[in-house]
Protein backbone atom coordinates (compact mmCIF):
# COMPACT_ATOMS: atom_id res chain seq x y z
CA MET A 1 12.75 -9.77 -14.97
CA ALA A 2 12.74 -13.34 -16.26
CA VAL A 3 12.47 -16.19 -13.80
CA ALA A 4 13.44 -19.80 -14.49
CA GLY A 5 10.79 -21.78 -16.33
CA GLY A 6 9.56 -18.91 -18.47
CA ALA A 7 8.04 -16.94 -15.59
CA TYR A 8 8.32 -13.19 -15.32
CA ALA A 9 8.49 -10.89 -12.32
CA THR A 10 7.03 -7.44 -12.66
CA PRO A 11 8.54 -5.21 -9.99
CA HIS A 12 6.37 -2.29 -9.05
CA ARG A 13 7.06 0.67 -6.77
CA VAL A 14 10.32 0.86 -4.88
CA GLY A 15 11.09 3.24 -2.06
CA VAL A 16 7.54 4.42 -1.29
CA PRO A 17 7.64 5.61 2.34
CA ASP A 18 5.66 3.64 4.90
CA ALA A 19 3.40 5.78 7.09
CA ASP A 20 5.14 4.86 10.35
CA ALA A 21 8.75 4.87 9.15
CA ALA A 22 9.82 7.77 6.95
CA LEU A 23 13.19 6.23 6.09
CA THR A 24 11.90 2.92 4.75
CA GLY A 25 9.83 1.87 1.79
CA SER A 26 8.23 -1.10 0.09
CA VAL A 27 9.16 -3.31 -2.83
CA TYR A 28 6.38 -5.30 -4.43
CA GLY A 29 5.52 -7.04 -7.65
CA LYS A 30 3.85 -9.97 -9.36
CA ILE A 31 5.24 -13.17 -10.85
CA VAL A 32 3.45 -14.66 -13.84
CA ASP A 33 4.12 -17.39 -16.40
CA SER A 34 4.69 -16.76 -20.10
CA ASP A 35 0.90 -16.69 -20.65
CA GLY A 36 0.43 -14.03 -17.96
CA ASN A 37 -1.04 -16.41 -15.35
CA PRO A 38 0.02 -15.72 -11.74
CA ILE A 39 2.31 -18.24 -10.05
CA LYS A 40 1.64 -19.08 -6.39
CA GLY A 41 4.38 -20.23 -4.01
CA VAL A 42 7.44 -18.70 -5.68
CA THR A 43 10.17 -17.88 -3.16
CA VAL A 44 11.24 -14.28 -3.68
CA GLN A 45 14.37 -12.87 -2.04
CA LEU A 46 15.30 -9.22 -1.69
CA VAL A 47 19.10 -9.00 -1.36
CA ASN A 48 20.81 -5.81 -0.22
CA GLU A 49 23.81 -5.34 -2.56
CA VAL A 50 25.85 -3.55 0.15
CA ASN A 51 25.05 -6.07 2.89
CA PRO A 52 24.33 -9.45 1.24
CA GLN A 53 23.47 -10.88 4.67
CA GLY A 54 20.50 -8.49 4.74
CA ILE A 55 18.20 -10.89 2.86
CA LYS A 56 14.42 -10.78 3.16
CA THR A 57 12.37 -13.72 1.88
CA VAL A 58 8.66 -14.04 1.06
CA LYS A 59 6.45 -16.35 -1.04
CA THR A 60 4.02 -15.22 -3.71
CA ASN A 61 0.31 -15.47 -2.92
CA LYS A 62 -2.37 -17.08 -5.12
CA LYS A 63 -2.37 -13.95 -7.31
CA GLY A 64 1.41 -14.21 -7.81
CA ARG A 65 2.01 -11.09 -5.74
CA PHE A 66 4.81 -10.44 -3.28
CA ARG A 67 5.67 -7.52 -0.98
CA PHE A 68 8.62 -6.48 1.13
CA VAL A 69 7.96 -3.77 3.73
CA GLN A 70 10.25 -1.58 5.83
CA VAL A 71 12.99 -1.65 3.18
CA ILE A 72 15.78 0.81 3.84
CA PRO A 73 17.04 2.89 0.89
CA GLY A 74 19.74 1.15 -1.12
CA THR A 75 20.53 -1.04 -4.10
CA TYR A 76 18.85 -4.44 -4.16
CA ARG A 77 18.71 -7.60 -6.23
CA ILE A 78 15.55 -9.70 -6.45
CA ASN A 79 15.88 -13.49 -6.78
CA ALA A 80 12.88 -15.68 -7.53
CA THR A 81 12.95 -19.47 -7.33
CA MET A 82 10.42 -22.26 -7.35
CA GLU A 83 10.82 -25.93 -6.61
CA THR A 84 9.58 -28.27 -9.30
CA LEU A 85 8.37 -31.81 -8.86
């Protein structure tokens, strides 16, 4: 998925069950620039398409990685934004 400014998000596994909650999963990925370098501090939102108020928000770490845990099954949209100076 392309992100503003030439960055790319690479979503990984979706719906992998967590050990303590059989009906939830994880969504995780990595955001990199057009040269493949990780981008730290990108705000990533996971939006439930059925319940748009069910938004989860995280920031990418220094390796450009993000993770959402305890995600219930459903259809989601991922938004990624970053403030520029």
